[in-house]
């Protein structure tokens, strides 16, 4: 993947990590991945296992203005707990994701636009998007490590299209170097339709 990024701004109230980002950059990455997938359906799986391991290499031998490495692990297991007469299913999903990013070669630190921010509908629900993060001077600066996990039990309300679910989400984003205020673990439970 090849992209061009431009950041402009002169806000002296932002943390130093943001003030250092002015300018244009070319980002170049290569991401080899291994996938193991036995799910019965990619849209609404009810049985099976999904596992993906990848390592994103940015810059380095692939050129670009920043150099980083980002290993990722993503795993999920799906169980059919109850099978209804009309074909509907009660499904239990267990999902976990672990990832980190580190700068290398000529890049001193991972810039905020490559860091992790947790929260939001596809991550730890109940938190606004990008609000689980180390904070510096009142600004979310992102972390270099993320762990997130979900346990979700869903059941059909109208065939398989409309579903209700109860879930437990947990996640943590940390390690922004010397600015890290310490580890935080967040948990949320909820109900959605």
Protein backbone atom coordinates (compact mmCIF):
# COMPACT_ATOMS: atom_id res chain seq x y z
CA UNK A 1 0.00 0.00 0.00
CA UNK A 2 1.27 3.45 -0.86
CA UNK A 3 -0.25 6.68 0.47
CA UNK A 4 0.53 10.37 0.70
CA UNK A 5 -0.28 12.21 3.94
CA UNK A 6 -0.21 15.95 4.61
CA UNK A 7 -0.64 17.46 8.07
CA UNK A 8 -0.79 21.20 8.57
CA UNK A 9 -1.35 23.20 11.70
CA UNK A 10 0.31 25.48 14.15
CA UNK A 11 -1.55 24.89 17.38
CA UNK A 12 0.94 25.39 20.22
CA UNK A 13 -1.55 24.07 22.80
CA UNK A 14 -1.35 20.52 21.39
CA UNK A 15 1.07 17.99 22.90
CA UNK A 16 4.57 17.96 21.34
CA UNK A 17 3.90 14.68 19.55
CA UNK A 18 1.25 16.45 17.43
CA UNK A 19 3.33 19.59 16.87
CA UNK A 20 6.11 17.44 15.35
CA UNK A 21 3.81 16.12 12.61
CA UNK A 22 3.63 19.16 10.28
CA UNK A 23 4.44 18.40 6.66
CA UNK A 24 3.91 15.87 3.92
CA UNK A 25 4.89 12.21 4.04
CA UNK A 26 4.83 9.20 1.79
CA UNK A 27 3.79 6.03 3.60
CA UNK A 28 4.59 2.67 2.08
CA UNK A 29 3.62 -0.69 3.61
CA UNK A 30 3.70 -4.40 2.97
CA UNK A 31 1.51 -6.69 5.11
CA UNK A 32 1.92 -10.45 4.83
CA UNK A 33 -0.84 -12.35 6.63
CA UNK A 34 -1.88 -15.87 7.56
CA UNK A 35 -5.61 -16.63 7.80
CA UNK A 36 -7.37 -19.72 9.15
CA UNK A 37 -11.14 -19.59 8.69
CA UNK A 38 -13.67 -22.37 9.35
CA UNK A 39 -16.73 -20.09 9.88
CA UNK A 40 -19.96 -21.31 8.31
CA UNK A 41 -20.88 -17.80 7.12
CA UNK A 42 -18.77 -14.64 6.83
CA UNK A 43 -21.67 -12.23 7.46
CA UNK A 44 -23.38 -13.97 10.40
CA UNK A 45 -21.21 -16.88 11.53
CA UNK A 46 -22.78 -19.36 13.95
CA UNK A 47 -20.00 -21.94 14.16
CA UNK A 48 -16.33 -22.05 13.44
CA UNK A 49 -13.03 -20.37 14.10
CA UNK A 50 -11.41 -17.31 12.56
CA UNK A 51 -7.73 -16.52 13.10
CA UNK A 52 -5.59 -13.94 11.36
CA UNK A 53 -1.96 -13.13 12.07
CA UNK A 54 -0.22 -10.37 10.17
CA UNK A 55 2.83 -8.14 10.31
CA UNK A 56 2.70 -4.71 8.67
CA UNK A 57 6.09 -3.36 7.61
CA UNK A 58 6.12 0.37 6.95
CA UNK A 59 8.98 2.15 5.25
CA UNK A 60 12.31 0.37 5.61
CA UNK A 61 13.05 -1.54 2.40
CA UNK A 62 9.67 -0.41 1.02
CA UNK A 63 10.73 3.26 1.06
CA UNK A 64 8.39 5.82 2.56
CA UNK A 65 9.23 8.56 5.04
CA UNK A 66 8.42 6.64 8.25
CA UNK A 67 9.61 3.21 9.39
CA UNK A 68 7.49 0.94 11.60
CA UNK A 69 6.53 -2.65 12.25
CA UNK A 70 3.04 -3.66 13.41
CA UNK A 71 2.30 -7.31 14.35
CA UNK A 72 -1.42 -8.16 14.75
CA UNK A 73 -3.34 -11.17 16.06
CA UNK A 74 -7.11 -11.43 15.63
CA UNK A 75 -9.05 -14.52 16.74
CA UNK A 76 -12.72 -15.40 17.08
CA UNK A 77 -14.71 -18.50 17.98
CA UNK A 78 -18.42 -18.93 17.21
CA UNK A 79 -20.84 -21.36 18.88
CA UNK A 80 -24.47 -22.19 18.09
CA UNK A 81 -26.02 -22.37 21.54
CA UNK A 82 -29.67 -22.97 20.53
CA UNK A 83 -31.13 -23.95 17.17
CA UNK A 84 -34.76 -22.84 16.72
CA UNK A 85 -37.41 -24.68 14.70
CA UNK A 86 -37.69 -21.80 12.21
CA UNK A 87 -33.95 -22.02 11.46
CA UNK A 88 -32.90 -19.18 13.73
CA UNK A 89 -29.93 -19.57 16.04
CA UNK A 90 -28.70 -18.25 19.36
CA UNK A 91 -25.02 -17.50 18.79
CA UNK A 92 -22.14 -16.98 21.21
CA UNK A 93 -19.15 -15.09 19.80
CA UNK A 94 -15.81 -14.82 21.59
CA UNK A 95 -13.41 -12.40 19.90
CA UNK A 96 -9.97 -11.05 20.84
CA UNK A 97 -7.47 -8.75 19.16
CA UNK A 98 -3.89 -7.87 20.13
CA UNK A 99 -1.63 -5.50 18.24
CA UNK A 100 1.36 -3.28 18.76
CA UNK A 101 3.42 -0.86 16.70
CA UNK A 102 7.06 0.18 17.05
CA UNK A 103 9.20 2.63 15.10
CA UNK A 104 12.58 1.52 13.82
CA UNK A 105 15.50 2.68 11.66
CA UNK A 106 15.32 6.48 11.21
CA UNK A 107 11.88 7.02 12.77
CA UNK A 108 12.19 8.19 16.40
CA UNK A 109 8.59 7.68 17.53
CA UNK A 110 5.30 6.39 16.15
CA UNK A 111 3.20 9.39 15.01
CA UNK A 112 -0.36 9.76 16.36
CA UNK A 113 -1.99 8.92 13.01
CA UNK A 114 -0.45 5.41 13.16
CA UNK A 115 -1.21 4.79 16.85
CA UNK A 116 -4.14 2.95 18.40
CA UNK A 117 -7.27 4.56 19.79
CA UNK A 118 -9.95 2.38 21.35
CA UNK A 119 -13.67 2.90 21.74
CA UNK A 120 -16.60 3.03 19.36
CA UNK A 121 -19.14 0.67 17.91
CA UNK A 122 -16.62 -1.76 16.42
CA UNK A 123 -14.31 -1.80 19.43
CA UNK A 124 -15.27 -1.19 23.08
CA UNK A 125 -18.93 -0.19 22.79
CA UNK A 126 -20.24 2.38 25.24
CA UNK A 127 -17.26 4.65 24.72
CA UNK A 128 -17.04 7.32 22.06
CA UNK A 129 -14.78 6.47 19.16
CA UNK A 130 -11.07 7.02 19.83
CA UNK A 131 -11.50 7.91 23.53
CA UNK A 132 -9.65 4.96 25.06
CA UNK A 133 -6.12 6.25 24.82
CA UNK A 134 -3.30 7.75 26.83
CA UNK A 135 -3.87 11.48 27.33
CA UNK A 136 -1.35 14.30 27.34
CA UNK A 137 -2.35 17.90 28.11
CA UNK A 138 -6.00 16.88 27.81
CA UNK A 139 -5.53 15.45 24.29
CA UNK A 140 -5.86 11.80 23.31
CA UNK A 141 -2.47 10.89 21.81
CA UNK A 142 -2.97 7.20 21.05
CA UNK A 143 -1.03 4.22 22.27
CA UNK A 144 1.43 1.77 20.78
CA UNK A 145 -0.31 -1.33 22.11
CA UNK A 146 -3.93 -2.45 22.09
CA UNK A 147 -5.77 -5.42 23.54
CA UNK A 148 -9.51 -5.81 23.02
CA UNK A 149 -11.91 -8.68 23.67
CA UNK A 150 -15.64 -9.28 23.26
CA UNK A 151 -18.08 -11.91 24.40
CA UNK A 152 -21.47 -11.51 22.69
CA UNK A 153 -24.62 -13.62 22.87
CA UNK A 154 -27.16 -12.87 20.14
CA UNK A 155 -30.60 -14.20 19.27
CA UNK A 156 -33.01 -13.57 16.41
CA UNK A 157 -35.98 -11.24 16.86
CA UNK A 158 -37.25 -11.45 13.29
CA UNK A 159 -35.79 -14.37 11.38
CA UNK A 160 -32.00 -13.89 11.22
CA UNK A 161 -32.10 -10.29 10.00
CA UNK A 162 -32.99 -8.44 13.22
CA UNK A 163 -31.08 -9.68 16.27
CA UNK A 164 -30.78 -8.73 19.92
CA UNK A 165 -27.53 -9.23 21.75
CA UNK A 166 -25.95 -8.92 25.15
CA UNK A 167 -22.23 -8.28 25.20
CA UNK A 168 -19.22 -7.68 27.38
CA UNK A 169 -16.42 -5.64 25.81
CA UNK A 170 -13.07 -4.98 27.39
CA UNK A 171 -10.04 -3.19 26.05
CA UNK A 172 -6.87 -1.34 26.85
CA UNK A 173 -4.64 1.02 24.88
CA UNK A 174 -1.31 1.96 26.40
CA UNK A 175 2.41 2.63 26.10
CA UNK A 176 2.90 6.00 24.57
CA UNK A 177 6.43 6.13 25.98
CA UNK A 178 7.23 8.82 28.53
CA UNK A 179 3.75 10.36 28.20
CA UNK A 180 1.91 7.21 29.31
CA UNK A 181 -0.14 8.03 32.44
CA UNK A 182 -0.38 4.34 33.31
CA UNK A 183 -2.40 1.38 32.19
CA UNK A 184 -6.17 1.56 32.13
CA UNK A 185 -8.55 -1.33 31.61
CA UNK A 186 -12.11 -0.55 30.60
CA UNK A 187 -15.12 -2.87 30.58
CA UNK A 188 -18.59 -2.36 29.16
CA UNK A 189 -21.68 -4.50 29.11
CA UNK A 190 -24.71 -3.70 27.07
CA UNK A 191 -27.71 -4.72 25.06
CA UNK A 192 -28.33 -3.91 21.43
CA UNK A 193 -30.87 -4.71 18.74
